[in-house]
Amino acid sequence: MLGVRGLSKSFGAKRVLDGVDLDLTQGESLVVIGGSGTGKSVLLRCILGLEVPDAGTILWRGRPLAEARAEFMDGFGMLFQNAALFDSLPVWRNVAFRLMGRMPKVEAREIAVEKLARVGLGPEVADLFPAELSGGMRKRAGLARAIAADPQVIFFDEPTTGLDPIRAATINELIRGIVDETGATAITITHDMSSVRAIADRVALLDRGRVRWQGDLAAMETAPDDYLHDFIAGRARPMARIPE
């Protein structure tokens, strides 16, 4: 479904991605983990076309993404770290943002209300503005927007950041349920190991701009990599050994 080959990206003298290789099959949920500054967000931004890589290739269904950009853009959804709702638009118009140019307004609203219901928000929320929602509700509205156009691939950027454990567990459950029900392919970047265990089919660990380890979720706990186990357990490491 999606492939990354030898992806590299620098900002000045700082090499952020240094030859990343990843594959994602249809219907799979891949979670990318790693410390701050290891390139997770830059990887996502390169795939989405928000950054131009210095080297490497991104493939969409076996074709260079540059040749299939229109098809890709038409078939992806995105849940941003802070939901990134438009403050000036009511919730339903946020959810239906990509639908408004494709169908009549009444139909777009119906779909928005349906997607809000899927993430546990009632029709009374549709005409509220983002400022009237709690953090957890904003995150769920952002998730409704991400799935509004029934995307083939969905990107989740730190989906539980800023949420308490109960609300975070709710978001994780929603994401896993949506991936299972729709058959969508998913890429999630997160520091939250609870999210990893709830969402992932497969895990990739980035370290110093490279994929240090990747494998099935079930293999993560027994993988022969000390840094991976320290990351999973949240154990402190000697300062000299912390990846920059």
Protein backbone atom coordinates (compact mmCIF):
# COMPACT_ATOMS: atom_id res chain seq x y z
CA MET A 1 0.00 0.00 0.00
CA LEU A 2 2.74 2.43 1.02
CA GLY A 3 6.51 2.06 0.82
CA VAL A 4 9.44 4.19 1.90
CA ARG A 5 12.86 3.55 0.38
CA GLY A 6 16.07 5.18 1.55
CA LEU A 7 14.32 8.33 2.75
CA SER A 8 16.69 11.05 3.97
CA LYS A 9 16.05 14.60 5.12
CA SER A 10 18.35 17.21 6.65
CA PHE A 11 17.77 20.68 8.00
CA GLY A 12 21.06 22.48 7.64
CA ALA A 13 23.72 20.30 9.24
CA LYS A 14 21.11 18.29 11.18
CA ARG A 15 20.35 14.91 9.55
CA VAL A 16 16.86 14.02 10.72
CA LEU A 17 16.09 11.05 8.46
CA ASP A 18 19.02 8.93 7.34
CA GLY A 19 17.90 6.22 4.94
CA VAL A 20 14.52 5.11 6.28
CA ASP A 21 12.94 1.97 4.78
CA LEU A 22 9.37 0.97 5.64
CA ASP A 23 6.54 -1.02 4.08
CA LEU A 24 2.87 -0.90 4.94
CA THR A 25 0.40 -3.45 3.64
CA GLN A 26 -3.28 -2.80 3.04
CA GLY A 27 -5.37 -2.91 6.21
CA GLU A 28 -2.32 -2.88 8.47
CA SER A 29 -1.85 -0.59 11.44
CA LEU A 30 1.78 0.53 11.78
CA VAL A 31 2.86 2.52 14.84
CA VAL A 32 6.13 4.46 14.63
CA ILE A 33 7.78 5.11 17.99
CA GLY A 34 10.99 6.81 19.06
CA GLY A 35 12.36 9.58 21.23
CA SER A 36 11.88 13.27 20.59
CA GLY A 37 13.86 14.46 17.59
CA THR A 38 14.26 11.02 16.02
CA GLY A 39 12.36 11.96 12.85
CA LYS A 40 8.85 10.60 13.40
CA SER A 41 7.01 13.81 12.50
CA VAL A 42 9.40 14.59 9.64
CA LEU A 43 8.73 11.12 8.20
CA LEU A 44 5.01 11.82 8.29
CA ARG A 45 5.47 15.26 6.74
CA CYS A 46 7.57 13.81 3.91
CA ILE A 47 4.91 11.22 3.11
CA LEU A 48 2.20 13.90 3.13
CA GLY A 49 4.25 16.19 0.88
CA LEU A 50 4.72 18.90 3.51
CA GLU A 51 8.49 18.39 3.35
CA VAL A 52 10.58 17.48 0.31
CA PRO A 53 13.06 14.67 1.13
CA ASP A 54 16.68 15.08 0.12
CA ALA A 55 16.90 11.50 -1.12
CA GLY A 56 14.82 8.36 -1.33
CA THR A 57 11.47 7.34 -2.76
CA ILE A 58 7.95 7.08 -1.41
CA LEU A 59 5.73 4.54 -3.16
CA TRP A 60 1.94 4.47 -3.28
CA ARG A 61 0.56 1.11 -4.42
CA GLY A 62 3.91 0.39 -6.03
CA ARG A 63 4.15 3.68 -7.94
CA PRO A 64 6.29 6.69 -7.03
CA LEU A 65 4.08 8.93 -4.92
CA ALA A 66 5.05 11.90 -7.07
CA GLU A 67 3.22 10.21 -9.97
CA ALA A 68 0.18 9.24 -7.89
CA ARG A 69 -0.16 12.34 -5.71
CA ALA A 70 -3.73 13.16 -6.78
CA GLU A 71 -4.94 9.62 -6.07
CA PHE A 72 -3.15 9.60 -2.73
CA MET A 73 -4.49 13.00 -1.66
CA ASP A 74 -8.01 11.89 -2.51
CA GLY A 75 -7.69 8.77 -0.38
CA PHE A 76 -6.08 9.77 2.91
CA GLY A 77 -7.32 11.07 6.26
CA MET A 78 -5.38 12.78 9.05
CA LEU A 79 -5.86 13.21 12.78
CA PHE A 80 -3.58 16.04 13.89
CA GLN A 81 -1.92 16.11 17.30
CA ASN A 82 -4.12 18.92 18.63
CA ALA A 83 -7.11 18.08 16.39
CA ALA A 84 -6.45 21.32 14.38
CA LEU A 85 -10.13 22.21 14.02
CA PHE A 86 -11.07 25.47 12.35
CA ASP A 87 -12.22 27.76 15.16
CA SER A 88 -14.54 29.78 12.92
CA LEU A 89 -16.51 26.77 11.65
CA PRO A 90 -19.09 24.71 13.55
CA VAL A 91 -18.13 21.14 14.29
CA TRP A 92 -20.14 19.60 11.47
CA ARG A 93 -18.46 21.83 8.88
CA ASN A 94 -15.08 20.89 10.30
CA VAL A 95 -15.94 17.22 9.89
CA ALA A 96 -17.38 17.75 6.40
CA PHE A 97 -14.61 20.10 5.25
CA ARG A 98 -13.37 17.82 2.44
CA LEU A 99 -16.91 16.87 1.43
CA MET A 100 -18.31 20.35 0.83
CA GLY A 101 -17.05 20.65 -2.73
CA ARG A 102 -18.11 17.13 -3.65
CA MET A 103 -21.79 17.04 -2.69
CA PRO A 104 -24.74 19.19 -1.58
CA LYS A 105 -24.46 20.83 1.83
CA VAL A 106 -27.38 18.81 3.25
CA GLU A 107 -25.74 15.52 2.31
CA ALA A 108 -22.38 16.62 3.67
CA ARG A 109 -24.00 17.51 7.00
CA GLU A 110 -25.72 14.12 7.18
CA ILE A 111 -22.40 12.35 6.70
CA ALA A 112 -20.75 14.61 9.29
CA VAL A 113 -23.44 13.78 11.88
CA GLU A 114 -23.05 10.08 11.06
CA LYS A 115 -19.26 10.21 11.54
CA LEU A 116 -19.67 12.16 14.78
CA ALA A 117 -21.97 9.41 16.03
CA ARG A 118 -19.30 6.84 15.11
CA VAL A 119 -16.87 8.53 17.51
CA GLY A 120 -19.45 8.90 20.27
CA LEU A 121 -20.60 12.49 19.72
CA GLY A 122 -24.33 13.18 19.41
CA PRO A 123 -26.09 15.41 16.85
CA GLU A 124 -26.28 18.23 19.39
CA VAL A 125 -22.52 18.68 19.01
CA ALA A 126 -22.76 19.35 15.27
CA ASP A 127 -23.62 23.05 15.58
CA LEU A 128 -21.25 23.84 18.42
CA PHE A 129 -17.92 25.55 17.79
CA PRO A 130 -14.57 23.95 18.71
CA ALA A 131 -14.10 26.35 21.65
CA GLU A 132 -17.22 24.86 23.23
CA LEU A 133 -15.76 21.34 23.26
CA SER A 134 -13.52 19.66 25.81
CA GLY A 135 -10.10 18.40 24.74
CA GLY A 136 -11.36 14.85 24.39
CA MET A 137 -14.37 15.96 22.35
CA ARG A 138 -12.15 18.01 20.04
CA LYS A 139 -9.94 14.97 19.49
CA ARG A 140 -12.98 12.85 18.64
CA ALA A 141 -14.28 15.54 16.27
CA GLY A 142 -10.86 15.52 14.61
CA LEU A 143 -11.11 11.75 14.28
CA ALA A 144 -14.56 12.10 12.71
CA ARG A 145 -13.08 14.51 10.17
CA ALA A 146 -10.25 12.07 9.45
CA ILE A 147 -12.72 9.34 8.47
CA ALA A 148 -15.39 11.54 6.85
CA ALA A 149 -14.35 10.71 3.28
CA ASP A 150 -13.85 6.97 3.99
CA PRO A 151 -10.08 7.14 3.41
CA GLN A 152 -7.90 4.23 2.32
CA VAL A 153 -5.06 5.31 4.61
CA ILE A 154 -5.24 7.33 7.83
CA PHE A 155 -2.41 9.11 9.63
CA PHE A 156 -2.57 9.66 13.39
CA ASP A 157 -0.14 12.20 14.86
CA GLU A 158 0.21 11.65 18.62
CA PRO A 159 -3.53 10.87 18.96
CA THR A 160 -3.62 10.78 22.77
CA THR A 161 -1.37 13.76 23.59
CA GLY A 162 -2.92 15.95 26.29
CA LEU A 163 -5.62 13.47 27.26
CA ASP A 164 -6.10 11.78 30.62
CA PRO A 165 -5.72 7.97 30.69
CA ILE A 166 -9.45 7.25 30.40
CA ARG A 167 -9.99 9.57 27.43
CA ALA A 168 -6.77 8.32 25.85
CA ALA A 169 -8.01 4.73 26.15
CA THR A 170 -11.28 5.80 24.49
CA ILE A 171 -9.42 7.32 21.53
CA ASN A 172 -7.22 4.23 21.19
CA GLU A 173 -10.29 2.00 21.18
CA LEU A 174 -11.98 4.18 18.56
CA ILE A 175 -8.92 4.13 16.29
CA ARG A 176 -8.54 0.36 16.54
CA GLY A 177 -12.25 -0.14 15.91
CA ILE A 178 -12.27 2.15 12.87
CA VAL A 179 -9.24 0.43 11.35
CA ASP A 180 -10.80 -3.00 11.89
CA GLU A 181 -14.24 -2.01 10.59
CA THR A 182 -13.18 -0.06 7.51
CA GLY A 183 -10.09 -2.01 6.50
CA ALA A 184 -8.19 1.28 6.29
CA THR A 185 -4.41 1.28 6.45
CA ALA A 186 -3.08 3.30 9.38
CA ILE A 187 0.17 4.98 10.38
CA THR A 188 0.39 6.33 13.92
CA ILE A 189 3.27 8.19 15.53
CA THR A 190 3.26 8.24 19.31
CA HIS A 191 5.27 8.13 22.54
CA ASP A 192 2.39 6.47 24.37
CA MET A 193 3.05 2.75 24.83
CA SER A 194 -0.59 2.20 25.82
CA SER A 195 -1.53 3.47 22.36
CA VAL A 196 1.08 1.21 20.76
CA ARG A 197 -0.36 -1.88 22.43
CA ALA A 198 -3.96 -0.88 21.62
CA ILE A 199 -3.49 0.24 18.01
CA ALA A 200 -0.53 -1.54 16.44
CA ASP A 201 -0.30 -4.60 14.26
CA ARG A 202 3.34 -3.75 13.65
CA VAL A 203 5.82 -1.39 15.31
CA ALA A 204 8.82 0.51 13.94
CA LEU A 205 11.35 2.16 16.25
CA LEU A 206 13.18 5.21 14.88
CA ASP A 207 16.57 6.05 16.35
CA ARG A 208 18.88 8.77 14.99
CA GLY A 209 16.93 8.98 11.76
CA ARG A 210 16.93 5.28 10.97
CA VAL A 211 14.63 2.34 11.61
CA ARG A 212 16.40 0.61 14.47
CA TRP A 213 13.84 -2.17 14.89
CA GLN A 214 10.56 -3.17 13.31
CA GLY A 215 8.33 -6.16 13.76
CA ASP A 216 4.95 -7.45 14.82
CA LEU A 217 3.52 -6.13 18.07
CA ALA A 218 3.77 -9.58 19.62
CA ALA A 219 7.52 -9.67 18.93
CA MET A 220 8.22 -6.28 20.50
CA GLU A 221 8.49 -7.43 24.12
CA THR A 222 11.05 -10.14 23.34
CA ALA A 223 13.10 -8.33 20.69
CA PRO A 224 16.88 -8.42 21.39
CA ASP A 225 17.33 -4.65 21.60
CA ASP A 226 18.15 -2.93 24.89
CA TYR A 227 17.20 0.55 23.68
CA LEU A 228 13.79 -0.71 22.57
CA HIS A 229 13.16 -2.23 25.99
CA ASP A 230 14.32 0.93 27.76
CA PHE A 231 11.93 2.95 25.58
CA ILE A 232 9.04 0.57 26.28
CA ALA A 233 9.69 0.67 30.02
CA GLY A 234 10.48 4.39 30.15
CA ARG A 235 13.84 3.74 31.77
CA ALA A 236 16.40 6.53 31.97
CA ARG A 237 19.63 6.04 30.06
CA PRO A 238 23.07 7.59 30.60
CA MET A 239 23.07 11.03 28.99
CA ALA A 240 25.87 10.12 26.58
CA ARG A 241 23.76 7.28 25.21
CA ILE A 242 20.52 9.19 24.67
CA PRO A 243 19.99 9.64 20.88
CA GLU A 244 20.25 13.30 19.88
